[in-house]
C-alpha atoms as a PDB file:
ATOM      1  CA  MET A   1      50.017  28.074  36.808  1.00  0.00           C
ATOM      2  CA  ALA A   2      50.979  29.164  33.321  1.00  0.00           C
ATOM      3  CA  SER A   3      53.481  26.950  31.535  1.00  0.00           C
ATOM      4  CA  THR A   4      54.868  26.510  28.042  1.00  0.00           C
ATOM      5  CA  ALA A   5      55.658  22.818  28.580  1.00  0.00           C
ATOM      6  CA  ALA A   6      54.610  20.599  25.676  1.00  0.00           C
ATOM      7  CA  THR A   7      51.994  17.908  26.232  1.00  0.00           C
ATOM      8  CA  GLU A   8      51.382  14.651  24.417  1.00  0.00           C
ATOM      9  CA  ALA A   9      48.286  12.458  24.459  1.00  0.00           C
ATOM     10  CA  ILE A  10      48.867   8.812  25.408  1.00  0.00           C
ATOM     11  CA  PRO A  11      46.231   6.069  25.009  1.00  0.00           C
ATOM     12  CA  LEU A  12      44.959   4.975  28.419  1.00  0.00           C
ATOM     13  CA  GLU A  13      45.980   1.326  28.001  1.00  0.00           C
ATOM     14  CA  GLU A  14      49.487   2.387  27.030  1.00  0.00           C
ATOM     15  CA  LEU A  15      49.627   4.621  30.100  1.00  0.00           C
ATOM     16  CA  ARG A  16      48.474   1.717  32.283  1.00  0.00           C
ATOM     17  CA  ALA A  17      51.323  -0.418  30.954  1.00  0.00           C
ATOM     18  CA  LEU A  18      53.852   2.380  31.555  1.00  0.00           C
ATOM     19  CA  VAL A  19      52.613   2.864  35.120  1.00  0.00           C
ATOM     20  CA  ASP A  20      52.838  -0.876  35.813  1.00  0.00           C
ATOM     21  CA  ALA A  21      56.374  -0.986  34.426  1.00  0.00           C
ATOM     22  CA  ARG A  22      57.451   1.941  36.597  1.00  0.00           C
ATOM     23  CA  LEU A  23      55.878   0.386  39.710  1.00  0.00           C
ATOM     24  CA  HIS A  24      57.806  -2.815  39.045  1.00  0.00           C
ATOM     25  CA  GLN A  25      60.995  -0.725  38.746  1.00  0.00           C
ATOM     26  CA  LEU A  26      60.139   0.749  42.151  1.00  0.00           C
ATOM     27  CA  GLY A  27      60.000  -2.747  43.653  1.00  0.00           C
ATOM     28  CA  HIS A  28      56.254  -3.482  43.692  1.00  0.00           C
ATOM     29  CA  SER A  29      55.773  -7.133  42.747  1.00  0.00           C
ATOM     30  CA  ASP A  30      52.399  -8.027  44.302  1.00  0.00           C
ATOM     31  CA  PRO A  31      49.820  -7.792  41.456  1.00  0.00           C
ATOM     32  CA  ALA A  32      47.072  -6.704  43.870  1.00  0.00           C
ATOM     33  CA  HIS A  33      49.235  -3.875  45.197  1.00  0.00           C
ATOM     34  CA  VAL A  34      50.219  -2.768  41.704  1.00  0.00           C
ATOM     35  CA  HIS A  35      46.539  -2.726  40.723  1.00  0.00           C
ATOM     36  CA  VAL A  36      45.497  -0.486  43.639  1.00  0.00           C
ATOM     37  CA  ILE A  37      48.366   1.973  43.199  1.00  0.00           C
ATOM     38  CA  ARG A  38      47.930   2.167  39.429  1.00  0.00           C
ATOM     39  CA  GLU A  39      44.175   2.691  39.590  1.00  0.00           C
ATOM     40  CA  CYS A  40      44.549   5.368  42.276  1.00  0.00           C
ATOM     41  CA  LEU A  41      47.113   7.236  40.167  1.00  0.00           C
ATOM     42  CA  LEU A  42      45.075   6.974  36.983  1.00  0.00           C
ATOM     43  CA  PHE A  43      41.864   7.996  38.767  1.00  0.00           C
ATOM     44  CA  ALA A  44      43.605  11.278  39.547  1.00  0.00           C
ATOM     45  CA  GLN A  45      45.423  11.625  36.229  1.00  0.00           C
ATOM     46  CA  THR A  46      42.303  11.179  34.094  1.00  0.00           C
ATOM     47  CA  ARG A  47      40.504  13.851  36.115  1.00  0.00           C
ATOM     48  CA  GLY A  48      43.222  16.489  35.896  1.00  0.00           C
ATOM     49  CA  ASN A  49      44.169  16.023  39.555  1.00  0.00           C
ATOM     50  CA  ASN A  50      47.819  16.565  40.510  1.00  0.00           C
ATOM     51  CA  GLN A  51      47.874  13.342  42.569  1.00  0.00           C
ATOM     52  CA  GLY A  52      48.500  11.348  39.373  1.00  0.00           C
ATOM     53  CA  ILE A  53      51.540   9.940  37.622  1.00  0.00           C
ATOM     54  CA  SER A  54      53.823  12.777  38.754  1.00  0.00           C
ATOM     55  CA  LYS A  55      54.169  10.666  41.906  1.00  0.00           C
ATOM     56  CA  LEU A  56      56.140   8.139  39.875  1.00  0.00           C
ATOM     57  CA  ALA A  57      59.027  10.555  39.391  1.00  0.00           C
ATOM     58  CA  GLY A  58      61.869   9.847  41.776  1.00  0.00           C
ATOM     59  CA  ASP A  59      61.479   7.396  44.654  1.00  0.00           C
ATOM     60  CA  ALA A  60      58.329   8.696  46.337  1.00  0.00           C
ATOM     61  CA  LEU A  61      56.483   5.427  45.713  1.00  0.00           C
ATOM     62  CA  ARG A  62      59.414   3.041  46.096  1.00  0.00           C
ATOM     63  CA  CYS A  63      58.481  -0.209  47.855  1.00  0.00           C
ATOM     64  CA  ASP A  64      59.969  -0.664  51.310  1.00  0.00           C
ATOM     65  CA  ARG A  65      61.532  -4.133  51.306  1.00  0.00           C
ATOM     66  CA  ALA A  66      60.997  -4.376  55.064  1.00  0.00           C
ATOM     67  CA  ALA A  67      57.259  -3.712  54.723  1.00  0.00           C
ATOM     68  CA  THR A  68      54.701  -6.139  56.103  1.00  0.00           C
ATOM     69  CA  ALA A  69      51.052  -6.639  55.185  1.00  0.00           C
ATOM     70  CA  PRO A  70      48.501  -4.333  56.833  1.00  0.00           C
ATOM     71  CA  ARG A  71      47.059  -5.833  60.013  1.00  0.00           C
ATOM     72  CA  LEU A  72      44.508  -4.884  62.641  1.00  0.00           C
ATOM     73  CA  LEU A  73      46.037  -3.590  65.866  1.00  0.00           C
ATOM     74  CA  ARG A  74      42.679  -3.305  67.609  1.00  0.00           C
ATOM     75  CA  GLN A  75      39.061  -3.601  66.584  1.00  0.00           C
ATOM     76  CA  SER A  76      35.449  -3.548  67.662  1.00  0.00           C
ATOM     77  CA  PRO A  77      32.306  -4.258  65.622  1.00  0.00           C
ATOM     78  CA  ALA A  78      32.279  -0.651  64.342  1.00  0.00           C
ATOM     79  CA  THR A  79      35.926   0.435  64.598  1.00  0.00           C
ATOM     80  CA  ALA A  80      39.474  -0.659  63.820  1.00  0.00           C
ATOM     81  CA  LEU A  81      43.039   0.610  63.866  1.00  0.00           C
ATOM     82  CA  VAL A  82      45.289  -0.646  61.067  1.00  0.00           C
ATOM     83  CA  ASP A  83      49.056  -1.005  61.285  1.00  0.00           C
ATOM     84  CA  GLY A  84      50.202  -0.291  57.729  1.00  0.00           C
ATOM     85  CA  GLY A  85      53.501  -2.096  58.280  1.00  0.00           C
ATOM     86  CA  ARG A  86      55.235   0.546  56.126  1.00  0.00           C
ATOM     87  CA  SER A  87      53.447  -0.887  53.104  1.00  0.00           C
ATOM     88  CA  ALA A  88      52.452   1.369  50.207  1.00  0.00           C
ATOM     89  CA  PRO A  89      50.039   3.902  51.734  1.00  0.00           C
ATOM     90  CA  MET A  90      47.542   3.540  48.875  1.00  0.00           C
ATOM     91  CA  VAL A  91      47.339  -0.187  49.580  1.00  0.00           C
ATOM     92  CA  VAL A  92      46.933   0.449  53.298  1.00  0.00           C
ATOM     93  CA  LEU A  93      44.181   3.032  52.846  1.00  0.00           C
ATOM     94  CA  GLN A  94      42.313   0.752  50.447  1.00  0.00           C
ATOM     95  CA  PHE A  95      42.495  -1.998  53.088  1.00  0.00           C
ATOM     96  CA  ALA A  96      41.151   0.479  55.656  1.00  0.00           C
ATOM     97  CA  CYS A  97      38.253   1.384  53.351  1.00  0.00           C
ATOM     98  CA  GLU A  98      37.381  -2.292  52.967  1.00  0.00           C
ATOM     99  CA  GLN A  99      37.373  -2.649  56.748  1.00  0.00           C
ATOM    100  CA  ALA A 100      35.217   0.473  57.143  1.00  0.00           C
ATOM    101  CA  ALA A 101      32.730  -0.737  54.518  1.00  0.00           C
ATOM    102  CA  GLU A 102      32.353  -4.113  56.234  1.00  0.00           C
ATOM    103  CA  ARG A 103      31.695  -2.445  59.580  1.00  0.00           C
ATOM    104  CA  ALA A 104      29.265   0.074  58.118  1.00  0.00           C
ATOM    105  CA  ARG A 105      27.225  -2.759  56.646  1.00  0.00           C
ATOM    106  CA  GLN A 106      27.136  -4.527  60.009  1.00  0.00           C
ATOM    107  CA  CYS A 107      26.723  -1.557  62.355  1.00  0.00           C
ATOM    108  CA  GLY A 108      25.501   1.324  60.203  1.00  0.00           C
ATOM    109  CA  VAL A 109      28.833   3.093  60.628  1.00  0.00           C
ATOM    110  CA  GLY A 110      32.474   2.070  60.291  1.00  0.00           C
ATOM    111  CA  LEU A 111      35.395   4.098  61.649  1.00  0.00           C
ATOM    112  CA  VAL A 112      38.901   2.943  60.757  1.00  0.00           C
ATOM    113  CA  GLY A 113      42.262   4.605  61.368  1.00  0.00           C
ATOM    114  CA  THR A 114      45.663   3.747  59.930  1.00  0.00           C
ATOM    115  CA  THR A 115      49.189   4.290  61.198  1.00  0.00           C
ATOM    116  CA  ASN A 116      52.728   3.335  60.227  1.00  0.00           C
ATOM    117  CA  THR A 117      52.764   4.407  56.594  1.00  0.00           C
ATOM    118  CA  ILE A 118      55.512   6.596  55.167  1.00  0.00           C
ATOM    119  CA  GLY A 119      54.341   8.060  51.863  1.00  0.00           C
ATOM    120  CA  SER A 120      51.421   9.462  49.917  1.00  0.00           C
ATOM    121  CA  THR A 121      47.940   7.955  49.962  1.00  0.00           C
ATOM    122  CA  GLY A 122      47.213   9.731  46.669  1.00  0.00           C
ATOM    123  CA  CYS A 123      43.892  11.191  45.591  1.00  0.00           C
ATOM    124  CA  LEU A 124      41.402  10.730  48.447  1.00  0.00           C
ATOM    125  CA  ALA A 125      38.483  10.956  46.010  1.00  0.00           C
ATOM    126  CA  PHE A 126      39.546   7.534  44.707  1.00  0.00           C
ATOM    127  CA  TYR A 127      38.576   5.943  48.024  1.00  0.00           C
ATOM    128  CA  ALA A 128      35.389   7.931  48.651  1.00  0.00           C
ATOM    129  CA  HIS A 129      34.265   7.196  45.088  1.00  0.00           C
ATOM    130  CA  TRP A 130      34.881   3.461  45.647  1.00  0.00           C
ATOM    131  CA  LEU A 131      32.917   3.442  48.917  1.00  0.00           C
ATOM    132  CA  ALA A 132      29.955   5.177  47.255  1.00  0.00           C
ATOM    133  CA  ALA A 133      30.006   3.394  43.884  1.00  0.00           C
ATOM    134  CA  LYS A 134      30.645  -0.148  45.139  1.00  0.00           C
ATOM    135  CA  HIS A 135      28.971  -0.085  48.550  1.00  0.00           C
ATOM    136  CA  GLY A 136      26.494   2.816  48.432  1.00  0.00           C
ATOM    137  CA  LEU A 137      28.124   4.417  51.482  1.00  0.00           C
ATOM    138  CA  VAL A 138      28.567   8.016  52.531  1.00  0.00           C
ATOM    139  CA  SER A 139      32.155   8.588  53.618  1.00  0.00           C
ATOM    140  CA  MET A 140      34.747  10.988  54.957  1.00  0.00           C
ATOM    141  CA  VAL A 141      38.441  10.300  54.377  1.00  0.00           C
ATOM    142  CA  LEU A 142      41.235  12.257  56.103  1.00  0.00           C
ATOM    143  CA  ALA A 143      44.979  12.078  55.500  1.00  0.00           C
ATOM    144  CA  GLY A 144      47.952  13.349  57.476  1.00  0.00           C
ATOM    145  CA  SER A 145      51.208  14.296  55.768  1.00  0.00           C
ATOM    146  CA  PRO A 146      54.700  15.708  56.487  1.00  0.00           C
ATOM    147  CA  PRO A 147      55.079  19.353  57.587  1.00  0.00           C
ATOM    148  CA  SER A 148      54.773  21.730  54.633  1.00  0.00           C
ATOM    149  CA  VAL A 149      52.119  24.284  55.644  1.00  0.00           C
ATOM    150  CA  ALA A 150      52.519  27.317  57.899  1.00  0.00           C
ATOM    151  CA  PRO A 151      49.633  27.817  60.350  1.00  0.00           C
ATOM    152  CA  PHE A 152      47.746  31.088  60.015  1.00  0.00           C
ATOM    153  CA  GLY A 153      49.885  33.909  61.400  1.00  0.00           C
ATOM    154  CA  ALA A 154      53.134  31.935  61.037  1.00  0.00           C
ATOM    155  CA  THR A 155      55.595  31.354  58.183  1.00  0.00           C
ATOM    156  CA  ARG A 156      57.302  28.064  59.134  1.00  0.00           C
ATOM    157  CA  ALA A 157      56.116  24.687  57.839  1.00  0.00           C
ATOM    158  CA  THR A 158      54.338  22.917  60.722  1.00  0.00           C
ATOM    159  CA  PHE A 159      51.202  21.151  59.444  1.00  0.00           C
ATOM    160  CA  GLY A 160      50.824  18.793  56.514  1.00  0.00           C
ATOM    161  CA  THR A 161      48.688  19.637  53.488  1.00  0.00           C
ATOM    162  CA  ASN A 162      46.152  17.476  55.358  1.00  0.00           C
ATOM    163  CA  PRO A 163      43.525  16.760  52.694  1.00  0.00           C
ATOM    164  CA  MET A 164      39.973  15.697  53.404  1.00  0.00           C
ATOM    165  CA  CYS A 165      37.321  14.161  51.209  1.00  0.00           C
ATOM    166  CA  ILE A 166      33.579  13.641  51.597  1.00  0.00           C
ATOM    167  CA  GLY A 167      31.681  11.387  49.218  1.00  0.00           C
ATOM    168  CA  THR A 168      28.111  10.221  48.775  1.00  0.00           C
ATOM    169  CA  PRO A 169      26.192   8.066  46.309  1.00  0.00           C
ATOM    170  CA  GLN A 170      23.724   9.762  43.992  1.00  0.00           C
ATOM    171  CA  GLY A 171      20.616   8.504  42.248  1.00  0.00           C
ATOM    172  CA  GLU A 172      20.540   5.561  39.838  1.00  0.00           C
ATOM    173  CA  GLY A 173      22.851   5.982  36.870  1.00  0.00           C
ATOM    174  CA  LEU A 174      24.739   8.915  38.383  1.00  0.00           C
ATOM    175  CA  ALA A 175      28.355   8.932  39.512  1.00  0.00           C
ATOM    176  CA  PRO A 176      29.078   9.528  43.215  1.00  0.00           C
ATOM    177  CA  LEU A 177      29.297  13.126  44.380  1.00  0.00           C
ATOM    178  CA  VAL A 178      32.746  13.715  45.871  1.00  0.00           C
ATOM    179  CA  ALA A 179      34.483  16.787  47.313  1.00  0.00           C
ATOM    180  CA  ASP A 180      38.246  16.344  47.771  1.00  0.00           C
ATOM    181  CA  PHE A 181      40.616  19.145  48.758  1.00  0.00           C
ATOM    182  CA  ALA A 182      43.803  19.895  50.662  1.00  0.00           C
ATOM    183  CA  THR A 183      43.610  22.308  53.581  1.00  0.00           C
ATOM    184  CA  SER A 184      46.652  24.071  52.133  1.00  0.00           C
ATOM    185  CA  SER A 185      46.336  26.805  49.521  1.00  0.00           C
ATOM    186  CA  VAL A 186      47.953  24.485  46.979  1.00  0.00           C
ATOM    187  CA  ALA A 187      48.631  20.736  47.079  1.00  0.00           C
ATOM    188  CA  TYR A 188      52.202  19.504  47.541  1.00  0.00           C
ATOM    189  CA  PHE A 189      52.252  17.664  44.233  1.00  0.00           C
ATOM    190  CA  GLY A 190      50.775  20.712  42.552  1.00  0.00           C
ATOM    191  CA  LEU A 191      54.049  22.401  43.515  1.00  0.00           C
ATOM    192  CA  VAL A 192      56.045  19.423  42.257  1.00  0.00           C
ATOM    193  CA  GLU A 193      54.327  19.713  38.865  1.00  0.00           C
ATOM    194  CA  ALA A 194      54.668  23.516  38.730  1.00  0.00           C
ATOM    195  CA  LYS A 195      58.378  23.418  39.580  1.00  0.00           C
ATOM    196  CA  ALA A 196      59.017  20.709  36.977  1.00  0.00           C
ATOM    197  CA  ALA A 197      57.200  22.802  34.346  1.00  0.00           C
ATOM    198  CA  GLY A 198      59.018  25.985  35.308  1.00  0.00           C
ATOM    199  CA  ALA A 199      55.687  27.613  36.176  1.00  0.00           C
ATOM    200  CA  ARG A 200      54.829  30.254  38.765  1.00  0.00           C
ATOM    201  CA  LEU A 201      51.698  30.187  40.900  1.00  0.00           C
ATOM    202  CA  PRO A 202      48.871  32.587  39.993  1.00  0.00           C
ATOM    203  CA  GLU A 203      49.398  34.449  43.275  1.00  0.00           C
ATOM    204  CA  PRO A 204      51.832  34.337  46.230  1.00  0.00           C
ATOM    205  CA  LEU A 205      50.491  31.276  48.004  1.00  0.00           C
ATOM    206  CA  LEU A 206      53.856  30.366  49.541  1.00  0.00           C
ATOM    207  CA  TYR A 207      56.492  31.690  51.930  1.00  0.00           C
ATOM    208  CA  ASP A 208      60.181  31.523  51.158  1.00  0.00           C
ATOM    209  CA  SER A 209      62.796  30.517  53.743  1.00  0.00           C
ATOM    210  CA  GLU A 210      62.870  34.110  55.037  1.00  0.00           C
ATOM    211  CA  GLY A 211      59.109  34.179  55.608  1.00  0.00           C
ATOM    212  CA  GLU A 212      58.394  36.419  52.617  1.00  0.00           C
ATOM    213  CA  PRO A 213      55.345  35.705  50.407  1.00  0.00           C
ATOM    214  CA  THR A 214      56.232  34.263  46.993  1.00  0.00           C
ATOM    215  CA  ASP A 215      54.674  32.620  43.937  1.00  0.00           C
ATOM    216  CA  ASP A 216      57.824  30.627  43.117  1.00  0.00           C
ATOM    217  CA  PRO A 217      57.482  26.850  43.749  1.00  0.00           C
ATOM    218  CA  ALA A 218      61.272  26.544  43.887  1.00  0.00           C
ATOM    219  CA  ALA A 219      61.267  28.725  47.005  1.00  0.00           C
ATOM    220  CA  PHE A 220      59.058  26.202  48.795  1.00  0.00           C
ATOM    221  CA  PHE A 221      61.538  23.398  48.119  1.00  0.00           C
ATOM    222  CA  SER A 222      64.345  25.559  49.520  1.00  0.00           C
ATOM    223  CA  GLY A 223      63.025  25.771  53.060  1.00  0.00           C
ATOM    224  CA  GLY A 224      59.754  27.567  52.431  1.00  0.00           C
ATOM    225  CA  ALA A 225      56.164  26.815  53.415  1.00  0.00           C
ATOM    226  CA  ILE A 226      52.656  26.798  51.923  1.00  0.00           C
ATOM    227  CA  LYS A 227      49.991  29.196  53.142  1.00  0.00           C
ATOM    228  CA  PRO A 228      46.853  27.566  54.599  1.00  0.00           C
ATOM    229  CA  TRP A 229      43.719  27.548  52.498  1.00  0.00           C
ATOM    230  CA  GLY A 230      41.004  29.904  53.727  1.00  0.00           C
ATOM    231  CA  GLY A 231      43.080  31.863  56.217  1.00  0.00           C
ATOM    232  CA  TYR A 232      42.463  31.067  59.878  1.00  0.00           C
ATOM    233  CA  LYS A 233      39.460  28.837  59.078  1.00  0.00           C
ATOM    234  CA  GLY A 234      41.486  26.542  56.833  1.00  0.00           C
ATOM    235  CA  SER A 235      44.337  26.626  59.322  1.00  0.00           C
ATOM    236  CA  HIS A 236      42.047  25.463  62.128  1.00  0.00           C
ATOM    237  CA  LEU A 237      40.605  22.726  59.927  1.00  0.00           C
ATOM    238  CA  SER A 238      44.137  21.576  59.105  1.00  0.00           C
ATOM    239  CA  LEU A 239      44.962  21.476  62.824  1.00  0.00           C
ATOM    240  CA  MET A 240      41.986  19.235  63.560  1.00  0.00           C
ATOM    241  CA  ILE A 241      42.903  16.855  60.710  1.00  0.00           C
ATOM    242  CA  GLU A 242      46.486  16.838  62.021  1.00  0.00           C
ATOM    243  CA  LEU A 243      45.153  15.736  65.411  1.00  0.00           C
ATOM    244  CA  LEU A 244      42.772  13.090  64.052  1.00  0.00           C
ATOM    245  CA  THR A 245      45.367  11.564  61.722  1.00  0.00           C
ATOM    246  CA  GLY A 246      48.204  11.954  64.231  1.00  0.00           C
ATOM    247  CA  PRO A 247      47.828  11.348  67.984  1.00  0.00           C
ATOM    248  CA  LEU A 248      44.430   9.664  67.632  1.00  0.00           C
ATOM    249  CA  VAL A 249      45.931   6.850  65.541  1.00  0.00           C
ATOM    250  CA  HIS A 250      49.473   6.860  67.011  1.00  0.00           C
ATOM    251  CA  ALA A 251      51.027   8.687  64.063  1.00  0.00           C
ATOM    252  CA  CYS A 252      53.198  11.784  63.711  1.00  0.00           C
ATOM    253  CA  PHE A 253      51.844  15.185  64.766  1.00  0.00           C
ATOM    254  CA  ALA A 254      53.268  18.460  63.382  1.00  0.00           C
ATOM    255  CA  GLY A 255      56.563  16.715  62.646  1.00  0.00           C
ATOM    256  CA  ALA A 256      56.992  15.440  66.214  1.00  0.00           C
ATOM    257  CA  GLY A 257      57.707  11.746  66.650  1.00  0.00           C
ATOM    258  CA  PRO A 258      58.709   9.033  64.180  1.00  0.00           C
ATOM    259  CA  PRO A 259      57.949   9.985  60.536  1.00  0.00           C
ATOM    260  CA  VAL A 260      54.903   7.768  60.102  1.00  0.00           C
ATOM    261  CA  TRP A 261      51.590   9.147  58.883  1.00  0.00           C
ATOM    262  CA  GLY A 262      47.982   8.346  59.633  1.00  0.00           C
ATOM    263  CA  ASN A 263      44.574   8.320  57.999  1.00  0.00           C
ATOM    264  CA  VAL A 264      40.982   8.121  59.151  1.00  0.00           C
ATOM    265  CA  VAL A 265      38.054   6.653  57.210  1.00  0.00           C
ATOM    266  CA  LEU A 266      34.450   7.131  58.284  1.00  0.00           C
ATOM    267  CA  ALA A 267      31.867   5.143  56.320  1.00  0.00           C
ATOM    268  CA  ILE A 268      28.118   5.529  56.897  1.00  0.00           C
ATOM    269  CA  ASP A 269      25.307   3.362  55.603  1.00  0.00           C
ATOM    270  CA  PRO A 270      22.583   5.863  54.594  1.00  0.00           C
ATOM    271  CA  VAL A 271      19.947   3.438  55.859  1.00  0.00           C
ATOM    272  CA  ALA A 272      21.224   3.930  59.409  1.00  0.00           C
ATOM    273  CA  LEU A 273      19.924   7.512  59.409  1.00  0.00           C
ATOM    274  CA  SER A 274      17.538   7.951  56.470  1.00  0.00           C
ATOM    275  CA  GLY A 275      15.935   4.533  56.690  1.00  0.00           C
ATOM    276  CA  ASP A 276      15.855   4.387  52.891  1.00  0.00           C
ATOM    277  CA  ALA A 277      19.102   4.462  50.873  1.00  0.00           C
ATOM    278  CA  ALA A 278      17.318   4.932  47.548  1.00  0.00           C
ATOM    279  CA  HIS A 279      15.331   7.894  48.876  1.00  0.00           C
ATOM    280  CA  PHE A 280      18.516   9.528  50.138  1.00  0.00           C
ATOM    281  CA  ALA A 281      20.464   8.947  46.915  1.00  0.00           C
ATOM    282  CA  ALA A 282      17.614  10.303  44.793  1.00  0.00           C
ATOM    283  CA  HIS A 283      17.766  13.603  46.667  1.00  0.00           C
ATOM    284  CA  VAL A 284      21.529  14.119  46.337  1.00  0.00           C
END
C-alpha cells in the first residue's frame, strides 16, 4: 500500500499518555478498562499491525454508557459463556481469556465464548500472547465481525473479516509463537489506514458496489466488499468462524439478527496432552 504520508516518531510513554487521554474523551473512566484497551492497541501498534491506534479515530471505541460488566451466562468446570453487556470488546475478551485460563488450569482445557459486544476486539495476538506468556497455555482465539467480506464466488459483503489466532509458549527465554490473521484478503482497519493515507492496495483485493474488482479502499466504503483470503479455502474457513462466533454463542451471523458480535477462546494446558510442559515448549 504505497503512500506519501509523512510519519513522525513518538516516544512510547508519550504515546501511552495520548492513548489514555483519547480513551477518556471516548468515555472510558475505569482505570482497569483503560489499561486493557491501551495495552491491546499498543501491542498492535508497536508491531506494525493495523489494529493499533487508528481505532481511536472517530467513535469506534466510544464507551456505551448503558454497558454493564461482563458476566457469566452459563458455565461448567471447563466451559463458560460470557455476556459482554455491551462493554468494550477488548475488556470482554480479556475477561474471557482469564476465564479460559482458569478452566484450563483446572481441567486441562478451557473453552469460553462471548456475546453481546458491539465493536472491535483488536489484535487477537494480544490475547494469545498473554495466555502463553503469563500462563504457559496453547490457545486459539476467534472473532466475529460485521459483514464486509464477499464469500468465494459472490461480490456482496456477507461475512466478517473473521480473524483467528493460534498461540503457543516456546522454550525458556523465548517469546510466545503466535499466528494471527484475518480470513479476508485485507483487514478492515488496513483499509481504514489505506483510505486515510490516500493509498491504493497492491492488487485488486476488493469489489466495488457494482461487483467489479478494485484496488481502491474508498470503493469498499461506498458499498463494496473485501475478497476472501485464499479463495474458496479462506472463504470456507471464514464461514466456520462465522458459525462458531455467531449462532454457537448467541451472536449475529452473516448480518442476521441484532448487531452483537461473538468470540471464542480455547485454552489448552500442554501438560494435558504432552505430560510435560517444558518438553513441549522446548520443541516449539
